[in-house]
Each structure stands twice: as C-alpha cells, then as structure tokens.
C-alpha cells in the first residue's frame, strides 16, 4: 500500500504562485507514473501527469504554460509549480500514483488509470 501526502496549498492572490508537493511512502517511487488532479464545485479534473522517469509530461489545456510538473525520484516526491494563478484554479488538488508495470511509462490522463490517491490540499485564489 502506497500513501501519498500533498502539501503546499493555501490562499494566494490572482497572479501569484504556489508550489505543491506530493510525498510518497514507498521506496519504489520510480515504479509509478504520477499525476495531479483537482476537484472544484463540479467534477474532478486532470491537471498534469508525469512519467516514471520524469522525461515525459502532459498538461490540461487550462494550465498549459502556467503550471509545471516535476518529480525527484531520490526524494520520493512530486511537485506542481503553479504560476499566474487565476480564481478558476481554486480547488482541492490531489496527487495520484499509477503502477507502470505492463502499462507503459505514463503519463496517464484518466483518473481510473491511477491506483493511489492522496487526501488533497486546498488551493484558493482570490481575485
């Protein structure tokens, strides 16, 4: 069982920045493709994904050019750097991990591809 814990959320003004972290309780972190999702008033939506090695990344159109996903396999940690934040980025942000064995390197977009989820961290962007 892998536990994921997000941190770094908070309240920021529009145009500001935040960096989210996701710490994984596994020494096999490089066996997982990772992703960020967010839950606003409606459905949970995909934000960004990264392959097990970090060589491949993918972003939702709504965050492309503003958010950057990265990982440090030596620290078992994934990051989401969020710049130029907008009020519509307000949501609970979740990190998720997907075992890659037999499934390709990732990143994966669909939430059903992910096996483990964190508890979420609130990001609020004021106008």
Foldseek 3Di string as FASTA:
>chain_A
DKAKAKDWADEEAAQAKIKMKIAIPDLVLLQKKKFKWWDDPDHIAGAKTAFSVRPDIDGDPVQPPFWDWGDDSVRRMIMIIGGRDDQVVWTWMKMFIAGCVVPDGDDDGDPVRTDDMYPTDTHGYHD
